[in-house]
Amino acid sequence: MPEFDDLLAANTSYANDFTLSGFDGIARAGVAMVTCMDSRIDPLGMIGLSPGDAKIMRNPGGRVTDQALVALVLGVNLLQVERVLVVEHTRCAMAGSTEDELKHRIAEHAGHDASWMTLGAITDQRRTIEADVIRVKTHPLISNDVLVGGFLYDVDTGLLERVV
């Protein structure tokens, strides 16, 4: 498949200097982050960490979904996660449109009805961050000793603002 040749060549170069071999997969810095899939976000770089230091969960909008909660439960109980950051960001497509607007745009592009999907549009980022932090803090399989914070990342300045 020549469509992937450039990526495979880059992977070969990456593998030539690969240094994570044999690593056990724990979060060396004790950190987990739930954030958006937006390509403007460098989760590790924004908080001064490196590969192997943190568990990163990404999805549209940076929401604490059921799957993100599963990952957090595993992280805090088995992979030495002690701090959790919930990070949404400015100029997010999930926060800039309604659920119906997103579904309409997808349907137009795909040529198929998207009304059956739940996309998770965000109407109020700060409230959503607060609710997602509470969702983590109140999960019965996540200890009260785990520190959980909610943040808004500015994609134009690189700064994190603490929301909760």
Protein backbone atom coordinates (compact mmCIF):
# COMPACT_ATOMS: atom_id res chain seq x y z
CA MET A 1 0.00 0.00 0.00
CA PRO A 2 2.07 2.95 -1.23
CA GLU A 3 -0.37 5.38 0.45
CA PHE A 4 1.37 4.67 3.76
CA ASP A 5 5.00 4.56 2.56
CA ASP A 6 5.84 8.01 3.94
CA LEU A 7 4.54 7.05 7.37
CA LEU A 8 6.32 3.70 7.38
CA ALA A 9 9.59 5.40 6.37
CA ALA A 10 9.16 7.84 9.25
CA ASN A 11 8.48 4.90 11.57
CA THR A 12 11.72 3.23 10.50
CA SER A 13 13.63 6.40 11.39
CA TYR A 14 11.80 6.57 14.72
CA ALA A 15 12.59 2.94 15.50
CA ASN A 16 16.30 3.52 14.82
CA ASP A 17 16.46 5.76 17.92
CA PHE A 18 13.78 3.99 19.98
CA THR A 19 14.48 4.17 23.72
CA LEU A 20 11.30 2.84 25.36
CA SER A 21 12.06 -0.85 24.84
CA GLY A 22 11.39 -2.96 27.91
CA PHE A 23 9.41 -0.24 29.71
CA ASP A 24 6.72 -1.69 31.97
CA GLY A 25 3.92 0.73 30.98
CA ILE A 26 3.31 2.41 34.32
CA ALA A 27 2.80 6.18 34.41
CA ARG A 28 6.28 7.18 35.65
CA ALA A 29 5.11 10.69 36.64
CA GLY A 30 1.87 9.35 38.14
CA VAL A 31 -0.23 11.42 35.72
CA ALA A 32 -3.20 10.71 33.48
CA MET A 33 -4.83 13.19 31.11
CA VAL A 34 -8.17 13.12 29.33
CA THR A 35 -8.07 15.58 26.46
CA CYS A 36 -9.34 16.26 22.96
CA MET A 37 -8.14 14.53 19.80
CA ASP A 38 -7.36 17.97 18.30
CA SER A 39 -4.00 17.88 16.52
CA ARG A 40 -3.01 21.27 17.99
CA ILE A 41 -2.64 19.62 21.40
CA ASP A 42 0.63 18.06 22.55
CA PRO A 43 -0.53 16.50 25.84
CA LEU A 44 2.89 15.54 27.17
CA GLY A 45 4.68 18.65 25.97
CA MET A 46 2.14 21.05 27.50
CA ILE A 47 2.92 19.76 31.00
CA GLY A 48 6.64 19.10 30.57
CA LEU A 49 6.46 15.31 30.40
CA SER A 50 7.89 12.68 28.05
CA PRO A 51 6.68 9.35 26.64
CA GLY A 52 6.24 6.87 29.48
CA ASP A 53 5.41 9.54 32.06
CA ALA A 54 1.62 9.68 31.68
CA LYS A 55 -1.46 7.88 30.45
CA ILE A 56 -3.22 9.91 27.75
CA MET A 57 -6.86 9.41 26.74
CA ARG A 58 -8.07 11.39 23.73
CA ASN A 59 -11.52 11.77 22.23
CA PRO A 60 -13.63 14.49 20.60
CA GLY A 61 -13.96 17.33 23.11
CA GLY A 62 -11.77 15.75 25.79
CA ARG A 63 -14.78 14.28 27.59
CA VAL A 64 -14.70 11.81 30.47
CA THR A 65 -16.65 9.16 28.59
CA ASP A 66 -17.38 5.66 29.88
CA GLN A 67 -14.29 4.40 28.05
CA ALA A 68 -12.12 7.18 29.49
CA LEU A 69 -13.36 6.19 32.96
CA VAL A 70 -12.35 2.57 32.32
CA ALA A 71 -8.87 3.78 31.38
CA LEU A 72 -8.69 5.97 34.49
CA VAL A 73 -9.79 3.11 36.75
CA LEU A 74 -7.03 0.95 35.27
CA GLY A 75 -4.54 3.80 35.55
CA VAL A 76 -5.15 4.60 39.20
CA ASN A 77 -5.43 1.00 40.34
CA LEU A 78 -2.78 -0.74 38.25
CA LEU A 79 -0.51 1.83 36.59
CA GLN A 80 0.46 4.22 39.41
CA VAL A 81 -1.68 7.20 38.34
CA GLU A 82 -2.05 9.64 41.25
CA ARG A 83 -3.15 12.80 39.42
CA VAL A 84 -5.74 13.22 36.67
CA LEU A 85 -6.09 16.23 34.39
CA VAL A 86 -9.31 16.78 32.44
CA VAL A 87 -8.36 19.17 29.63
CA GLU A 88 -10.68 20.80 27.10
CA HIS A 89 -9.43 23.54 24.78
CA THR A 90 -10.33 26.82 23.15
CA ARG A 91 -11.68 26.91 19.60
CA CYS A 92 -12.88 23.30 19.87
CA ALA A 93 -15.24 22.11 17.13
CA MET A 94 -17.22 20.18 19.74
CA ALA A 95 -17.85 23.40 21.67
CA GLY A 96 -18.40 25.63 18.67
CA SER A 97 -21.44 23.88 17.24
CA THR A 98 -24.64 22.31 18.50
CA GLU A 99 -25.24 18.58 18.32
CA ASP A 100 -27.66 19.11 15.40
CA GLU A 101 -25.22 21.35 13.52
CA LEU A 102 -22.45 18.76 13.82
CA LYS A 103 -24.76 15.96 12.67
CA HIS A 104 -25.90 18.03 9.70
CA ARG A 105 -22.33 18.81 8.64
CA ILE A 106 -21.34 15.16 8.93
CA ALA A 107 -24.39 14.02 6.95
CA GLU A 108 -23.62 16.52 4.19
CA HIS A 109 -20.02 15.37 3.95
CA ALA A 110 -20.69 11.62 4.28
CA GLY A 111 -23.83 11.59 2.18
CA HIS A 112 -25.61 9.56 4.89
CA ASP A 113 -27.87 10.37 7.78
CA ALA A 114 -25.98 11.01 11.03
CA SER A 115 -28.98 11.83 13.24
CA TRP A 116 -28.71 8.49 15.06
CA MET A 117 -25.25 9.27 16.45
CA THR A 118 -24.52 10.89 19.77
CA LEU A 119 -21.55 13.18 19.18
CA GLY A 120 -21.28 14.97 22.51
CA ALA A 121 -21.40 18.64 21.53
CA ILE A 122 -20.41 20.91 24.40
CA THR A 123 -22.66 23.87 25.13
CA ASP A 124 -20.73 25.24 28.14
CA GLN A 125 -17.09 24.18 28.43
CA ARG A 126 -16.57 25.27 32.02
CA ARG A 127 -19.65 23.44 33.25
CA THR A 128 -18.69 20.39 31.23
CA ILE A 129 -15.19 20.38 32.72
CA GLU A 130 -16.66 20.69 36.22
CA ALA A 131 -19.10 17.84 35.58
CA ASP A 132 -16.38 15.59 34.15
CA VAL A 133 -14.10 16.26 37.14
CA ILE A 134 -16.97 15.32 39.47
CA ARG A 135 -17.55 12.16 37.40
CA VAL A 136 -13.94 11.09 38.03
CA LYS A 137 -13.91 12.10 41.70
CA THR A 138 -17.10 10.21 42.52
CA HIS A 139 -16.30 6.99 40.68
CA PRO A 140 -16.35 4.15 43.24
CA LEU A 141 -13.17 2.56 41.83
CA ILE A 142 -11.13 5.77 41.94
CA SER A 143 -9.71 6.53 45.38
CA ASN A 144 -10.36 9.86 47.08
CA ASP A 145 -6.56 10.15 47.32
CA VAL A 146 -6.33 10.69 43.55
CA LEU A 147 -6.00 14.38 42.71
CA VAL A 148 -8.31 15.50 39.88
CA GLY A 149 -8.22 18.89 38.18
CA GLY A 150 -10.11 20.44 35.28
CA PHE A 151 -8.38 22.75 32.82
CA LEU A 152 -8.96 24.76 29.67
CA TYR A 153 -6.03 24.77 27.23
CA ASP A 154 -5.59 27.83 25.01
CA VAL A 155 -4.55 26.61 21.55
CA ASP A 156 -3.25 30.09 20.68
CA THR A 157 -1.00 30.65 23.71
CA GLY A 158 -0.22 27.13 24.94
CA LEU A 159 -1.36 28.01 28.45
CA LEU A 160 -3.53 25.90 30.74
CA GLU A 161 -6.14 27.66 32.86
CA ARG A 162 -7.39 25.84 35.93
CA VAL A 163 -11.19 25.68 35.91
CA VAL A 164 -11.70 23.38 38.90
